[in-house]
Protein backbone atom coordinates (compact mmCIF):
# COMPACT_ATOMS: atom_id res chain seq x y z
CA LEU A 1 6.44 0.36 -4.67
CA GLN A 2 8.82 0.96 -7.49
CA SER A 3 12.00 2.99 -7.68
CA SER A 4 11.70 5.83 -10.09
CA GLU A 5 13.56 9.02 -10.90
CA GLU A 6 10.24 10.69 -11.71
CA SER A 7 9.57 13.20 -8.97
CA SER A 8 8.07 16.63 -8.92
CA GLN A 9 10.17 19.51 -7.66
CA LYS A 10 7.94 19.66 -4.61
CA ASN A 11 8.67 16.04 -3.69
CA ALA A 12 12.21 15.81 -5.03
CA HIS A 13 13.59 15.01 -1.58
CA LEU A 14 11.02 12.24 -0.97
CA ASP A 15 11.32 8.79 -2.47
CA GLU A 16 8.26 6.83 -3.53
CA ALA A 17 8.02 5.01 -0.19
CA ASP A 18 7.95 8.33 1.69
CA ARG A 19 5.20 9.66 -0.57
CA PHE A 20 3.28 6.41 -0.12
CA TYR A 21 3.45 6.54 3.68
CA GLU A 22 2.40 10.20 3.78
CA ASN A 23 -0.99 9.21 2.32
CA PRO A 24 -1.18 5.48 1.54
CA LEU A 25 -4.87 5.48 0.69
CA GLY A 26 -4.56 8.41 -1.72
CA PHE A 27 -1.40 6.94 -3.23
CA LEU A 28 -3.10 3.60 -3.96
CA GLU A 29 -6.26 5.19 -5.35
CA CYS A 30 -4.20 7.42 -7.64
CA ALA A 31 -1.91 4.60 -8.80
CA PHE A 32 -4.70 2.17 -9.59
CA GLU A 33 -6.97 4.81 -11.10
CA LYS A 34 -4.18 5.50 -13.62
CA GLU A 35 -4.02 1.78 -14.44
CA LYS A 36 -7.80 1.64 -14.83
CA ARG A 37 -7.70 4.57 -17.30
CA LYS A 38 -5.02 2.75 -19.30
CA GLY A 39 -7.48 -0.11 -19.70
CA GLY A 40 -6.10 -2.35 -16.97
CA GLY A 41 -9.40 -2.47 -15.10
CA HIS A 42 -9.75 -4.86 -12.18
CA ASP A 43 -6.93 -7.03 -13.55
CA ALA A 44 -4.49 -4.21 -12.83
CA LEU A 45 -4.92 -4.77 -9.08
CA PRO A 46 -2.46 -7.08 -7.30
CA THR A 47 -3.79 -10.57 -6.61
CA HIS A 48 -2.07 -10.69 -3.20
CA LEU A 49 -1.17 -7.99 -0.69
CA VAL A 50 1.24 -8.48 2.22
CA LEU A 51 1.16 -5.57 4.65
CA PHE A 52 2.12 -4.60 8.14
CA GLU A 53 -0.95 -4.42 10.36
CA GLN A 54 -0.82 -0.66 10.96
CA LEU A 55 -0.74 -0.04 7.20
CA ALA A 56 -3.66 -2.40 6.60
CA LEU A 57 -5.73 -0.34 9.02
CA ARG A 58 -4.87 2.86 7.14
CA ILE A 59 -5.91 1.48 3.74
CA GLN A 60 -8.99 -0.45 4.92
CA PRO A 61 -11.36 1.47 2.59
CA PHE A 62 -9.21 0.48 -0.42
CA LEU A 63 -9.17 -3.16 0.70
CA GLU A 64 -12.95 -3.22 1.15
CA ARG A 65 -13.71 -1.37 -2.09
CA HIS A 66 -11.67 -3.89 -4.07
CA SER A 67 -13.00 -6.94 -2.18
CA TYR A 68 -9.72 -8.00 -0.62
CA ARG A 69 -10.10 -10.35 2.32
CA ARG A 70 -7.53 -11.08 4.98
CA VAL A 71 -6.44 -14.71 4.87
CA ARG A 72 -3.55 -14.66 7.34
CA ARG A 73 -2.32 -12.67 10.31
CA ILE A 74 1.31 -13.54 11.07
CA PHE A 75 3.34 -12.57 14.11
CA HIS A 76 6.31 -10.36 13.23
CA THR A 77 7.85 -8.90 16.39
CA HIS A 78 7.04 -7.95 19.96
CA MET A 79 8.56 -4.48 19.59
CA PRO A 80 8.57 -2.82 16.16
CA LEU A 81 11.67 -0.65 15.90
CA GLU A 82 10.32 1.68 13.20
CA SER A 83 7.04 3.54 12.84
CA ARG A 84 6.27 1.76 9.57
CA LEU A 85 6.49 -1.68 11.16
CA SER A 86 3.92 -3.55 13.25
CA THR A 87 3.73 -6.52 15.53
CA HIS A 88 1.85 -8.49 12.86
CA ILE A 89 1.76 -8.91 9.10
CA HIS A 90 -1.51 -9.34 7.19
CA VAL A 91 -1.93 -11.27 3.94
CA TYR A 92 -4.87 -10.35 1.71
CA LEU A 93 -6.31 -12.04 -1.39
């Protein structure tokens, strides 16, 4: 995610991370579709993704559609203190 002062009036109170977590799958599809239209194609996708487990589950269709495969599952914490965190971290290539 990137910091940006671009925000619609509707989402002026939300930062990019908030918008992402509202609909992570839609956010990713929109972001990478824009890159594809600019001519970035498959190369515009990140080569590595490091995600909390709960987020990985929410964007599974994106991961599958773009042939990402999980290569590591790493313990993070026994008790996540925030809703965006998970007990494990996943690494995808």
